[in-house]
Amino acid sequence: GENNLKVMDNYFRKFSYEDLIIPKYFKMRETEKIPEYFFRDDICTYWVFISEYVSEMVDLSYSYDEQVALDDELQNVFKDIVDNGFRGIENGAGFPKEITDKATLVEFLTAGIVN
């Protein structure tokens, strides 16, 4: 009910794009060295696997970084995510309004798939 809305509101006030970048998330929380943390180990392995696949797919579409930056349709997607998807949330929850290189695009797409 009403309490669920309050919980979600509080969560999204603190939510950040960086929370979706799994390797950075565990480092930020200082949990990367906890032994036998199976969830972290498994999800990080999955992250690497998905990231490698996404990188291959991005390489098929873009030969160099400048092509990413010059893809108006792609850039409009990122702008739309921030402007409309996170309207009212400070700084668009840290989501990029533009992505100008292949590595950042791979990270963004991987985060979308893994999460």
Protein backbone atom coordinates (compact mmCIF):
# COMPACT_ATOMS: atom_id res chain seq x y z
CA GLY A 1 0.00 0.00 0.00
CA GLU A 2 1.10 3.46 0.92
CA ASN A 3 4.21 2.27 2.74
CA ASN A 4 5.41 0.53 -0.41
CA LEU A 5 5.33 3.87 -2.22
CA LYS A 6 7.40 5.45 0.55
CA VAL A 7 9.96 2.64 0.38
CA MET A 8 10.26 2.98 -3.40
CA ASP A 9 10.45 6.76 -3.15
CA ASN A 10 13.29 6.51 -0.61
CA TYR A 11 15.10 3.94 -2.74
CA PHE A 12 14.95 6.00 -5.91
CA ARG A 13 16.12 9.14 -4.10
CA LYS A 14 19.39 7.28 -3.39
CA PHE A 15 19.50 5.20 -6.58
CA SER A 16 22.40 5.83 -8.93
CA TYR A 17 23.47 4.52 -12.30
CA GLU A 18 26.72 3.43 -10.63
CA ASP A 19 24.69 0.92 -8.58
CA LEU A 20 24.03 -0.98 -11.81
CA ILE A 21 27.72 -1.41 -12.67
CA ILE A 22 28.25 -4.65 -10.77
CA PRO A 23 32.07 -4.59 -10.38
CA LYS A 24 31.96 -0.94 -9.23
CA TYR A 25 29.04 -1.69 -6.90
CA PHE A 26 30.95 -4.33 -4.95
CA LYS A 27 34.06 -2.15 -4.83
CA MET A 28 32.02 0.84 -3.62
CA ARG A 29 30.53 -1.30 -0.85
CA GLU A 30 34.02 -2.66 -0.04
CA THR A 31 32.88 -6.25 -0.41
CA GLU A 32 35.24 -7.33 -3.19
CA LYS A 33 37.58 -9.15 -0.78
CA ILE A 34 35.07 -11.02 1.39
CA PRO A 35 35.90 -14.72 1.06
CA GLU A 36 33.28 -17.16 -0.22
CA TYR A 37 30.83 -14.42 -1.20
CA PHE A 38 29.22 -16.65 -3.80
CA PHE A 39 26.63 -14.19 -5.10
CA ARG A 40 29.34 -11.61 -5.80
CA ASP A 41 31.62 -14.18 -7.41
CA ASP A 42 28.87 -15.60 -9.60
CA ILE A 43 27.39 -12.28 -10.69
CA CYS A 44 30.85 -10.86 -11.48
CA THR A 45 31.62 -13.92 -13.61
CA TYR A 46 28.29 -13.44 -15.36
CA TRP A 47 29.09 -9.72 -15.82
CA VAL A 48 32.37 -10.56 -17.57
CA PHE A 49 30.71 -13.13 -19.81
CA ILE A 50 27.90 -10.78 -20.85
CA SER A 51 30.29 -7.84 -21.24
CA GLU A 52 32.51 -9.82 -23.61
CA TYR A 53 29.52 -10.79 -25.73
CA VAL A 54 28.16 -7.22 -25.77
CA SER A 55 31.61 -5.94 -26.73
CA GLU A 56 31.65 -8.26 -29.74
CA MET A 57 28.21 -7.04 -30.80
CA VAL A 58 29.18 -3.37 -30.38
CA ASP A 59 32.32 -4.02 -32.45
CA LEU A 60 30.10 -5.31 -35.26
CA SER A 61 28.18 -2.03 -35.33
CA TYR A 62 30.90 0.50 -34.52
CA SER A 63 34.49 0.30 -35.73
CA TYR A 64 35.73 3.24 -33.67
CA ASP A 65 34.61 5.47 -30.80
CA GLU A 66 33.70 8.44 -32.97
CA GLN A 67 30.97 6.40 -34.66
CA VAL A 68 29.27 5.97 -31.29
CA ALA A 69 29.43 9.69 -30.62
CA LEU A 70 28.05 10.50 -34.09
CA ASP A 71 25.10 8.07 -33.90
CA ASP A 72 22.26 10.55 -33.34
CA GLU A 73 19.61 7.87 -32.79
CA LEU A 74 21.72 6.19 -30.11
CA GLN A 75 22.44 9.51 -28.40
CA ASN A 76 18.72 10.36 -28.44
CA VAL A 77 18.00 7.13 -26.56
CA PHE A 78 20.36 8.12 -23.72
CA LYS A 79 18.98 11.64 -23.59
CA ASP A 80 15.42 10.25 -23.49
CA ILE A 81 16.30 7.86 -20.64
CA VAL A 82 17.55 10.74 -18.50
CA ASP A 83 14.97 13.35 -19.51
CA ASN A 84 11.89 11.13 -19.38
CA GLY A 85 12.83 7.95 -17.53
CA PHE A 86 14.31 9.72 -14.52
CA ARG A 87 12.35 12.95 -14.58
CA GLY A 88 12.36 14.57 -11.17
CA ILE A 89 15.35 12.60 -9.93
CA GLU A 90 18.39 14.74 -9.28
CA ASN A 91 20.98 14.58 -12.07
CA GLY A 92 19.02 11.81 -13.84
CA ALA A 93 20.28 9.32 -11.23
CA GLY A 94 23.72 9.62 -12.78
CA PHE A 95 22.68 8.07 -16.08
CA PRO A 96 24.71 9.42 -18.99
CA LYS A 97 22.91 11.82 -21.35
CA GLU A 98 25.37 10.80 -24.02
CA ILE A 99 27.89 8.04 -24.58
CA THR A 100 30.82 8.84 -26.80
CA ASP A 101 32.94 5.69 -26.76
CA LYS A 102 32.51 1.97 -27.24
CA ALA A 103 33.75 0.97 -23.78
CA THR A 104 31.12 3.10 -22.03
CA LEU A 105 28.44 1.81 -24.40
CA VAL A 106 29.42 -1.78 -23.58
CA GLU A 107 29.28 -0.99 -19.85
CA PHE A 108 25.85 0.62 -20.19
CA LEU A 109 24.38 -2.23 -22.24
CA THR A 110 25.91 -4.86 -19.97
CA ALA A 111 24.36 -3.15 -16.95
CA GLY A 112 20.98 -3.19 -18.68
CA ILE A 113 21.23 -6.91 -19.43
CA VAL A 114 22.65 -8.06 -16.10
CA ASN A 115 20.29 -6.01 -13.98
